[in-house]
Protein backbone atom coordinates (compact mmCIF):
# COMPACT_ATOMS: atom_id res chain seq x y z
CA UNK A 1 -12.18 3.18 -0.80
CA UNK A 2 -14.67 4.12 -3.45
CA UNK A 3 -15.93 0.90 -4.98
CA UNK A 4 -19.59 0.38 -5.69
CA UNK A 5 -19.03 -3.40 -5.83
CA UNK A 6 -18.21 -3.62 -2.11
CA UNK A 7 -20.96 -5.44 -0.25
CA UNK A 8 -23.23 -3.82 2.30
CA UNK A 9 -21.42 -5.88 4.96
CA UNK A 10 -18.50 -3.43 4.64
CA UNK A 11 -20.47 -0.40 5.79
CA UNK A 12 -18.46 0.90 8.76
CA UNK A 13 -21.30 0.66 11.27
CA UNK A 14 -21.80 -3.01 10.39
CA UNK A 15 -18.21 -4.13 9.75
CA UNK A 16 -16.63 -2.04 12.53
CA UNK A 17 -13.94 -1.11 9.98
CA UNK A 18 -13.05 1.77 7.71
CA UNK A 19 -11.21 1.10 4.45
CA UNK A 20 -9.41 3.66 2.31
CA UNK A 21 -6.56 3.95 -0.18
CA UNK A 22 -3.41 6.04 0.23
CA UNK A 23 -1.24 5.73 -2.86
CA UNK A 24 -0.07 2.10 -3.02
CA UNK A 25 -1.39 1.33 0.46
CA UNK A 26 -4.87 0.02 1.14
CA UNK A 27 -5.56 0.86 4.78
CA UNK A 28 -8.06 -0.84 7.07
CA UNK A 29 -8.85 0.76 10.43
CA UNK A 30 -10.56 -1.64 12.83
CA UNK A 31 -12.66 -0.37 15.72
CA UNK A 32 -10.56 -1.31 18.78
CA UNK A 33 -13.78 -2.26 20.61
CA UNK A 34 -14.19 -5.03 17.98
CA UNK A 35 -10.59 -6.24 17.44
CA UNK A 36 -11.54 -9.58 15.86
CA UNK A 37 -14.04 -8.19 13.35
CA UNK A 38 -11.56 -8.46 10.46
CA UNK A 39 -11.01 -12.17 11.12
CA UNK A 40 -14.68 -13.03 10.55
CA UNK A 41 -16.56 -13.95 7.36
CA UNK A 42 -16.81 -12.31 4.86
CA UNK A 43 -14.17 -9.81 5.91
CA UNK A 44 -10.98 -11.87 6.01
CA UNK A 45 -11.61 -13.48 2.62
CA UNK A 46 -12.30 -10.03 1.13
CA UNK A 47 -9.10 -8.71 2.70
CA UNK A 48 -7.17 -11.57 1.08
CA UNK A 49 -8.63 -10.71 -2.32
CA UNK A 50 -7.88 -7.01 -1.86
CA UNK A 51 -4.32 -7.76 -0.68
CA UNK A 52 -3.68 -9.85 -3.79
CA UNK A 53 -5.10 -7.12 -6.03
CA UNK A 54 -2.98 -4.48 -4.28
CA UNK A 55 0.13 -6.65 -4.59
CA UNK A 56 -0.52 -7.18 -8.31
CA UNK A 57 -0.38 -3.43 -8.84
CA UNK A 58 2.68 -2.94 -6.60
CA UNK A 59 0.80 -2.10 -3.41
CA UNK A 60 -0.04 -3.69 -0.09
CA UNK A 61 -2.76 -3.87 2.56
CA UNK A 62 -2.14 -2.69 6.13
CA UNK A 63 -4.62 -3.18 8.98
CA UNK A 64 -4.57 -1.08 12.14
CA UNK A 65 -6.41 -1.97 15.35
CA UNK A 66 -5.49 0.03 18.42
CA UNK A 67 -1.71 -0.35 18.79
CA UNK A 68 -1.57 -3.39 16.50
CA UNK A 69 -0.46 -3.18 12.88
CA UNK A 70 -0.82 -6.17 10.53
CA UNK A 71 0.23 -6.47 6.91
CA UNK A 72 -2.33 -8.69 5.20
CA UNK A 73 -0.51 -11.09 2.88
CA UNK A 74 -2.33 -12.93 0.11
CA UNK A 75 -2.75 -16.64 0.88
CA UNK A 76 -2.07 -16.35 4.62
CA UNK A 77 -4.74 -17.67 7.01
CA UNK A 78 -6.35 -15.47 9.62
CA UNK A 79 -4.57 -15.40 12.97
CA UNK A 80 -6.40 -16.91 15.93
């Protein structure tokens, strides 16, 4: 994802995630050695915002971590 407004916290070495767009899909790849990284602040709230923005333009946000695949839905709380 090329967005200069994304905070430094989202740098892959810090966030343990890689984010990119593929057509209507915003994809988040989570380092399987840090499977809960996406549930932490500020990441989950940013994912919610991005999911809502993607949905508004007809897209969606999918998160991959190892063998797990999660569709991030706007307004849904982070799983435990």
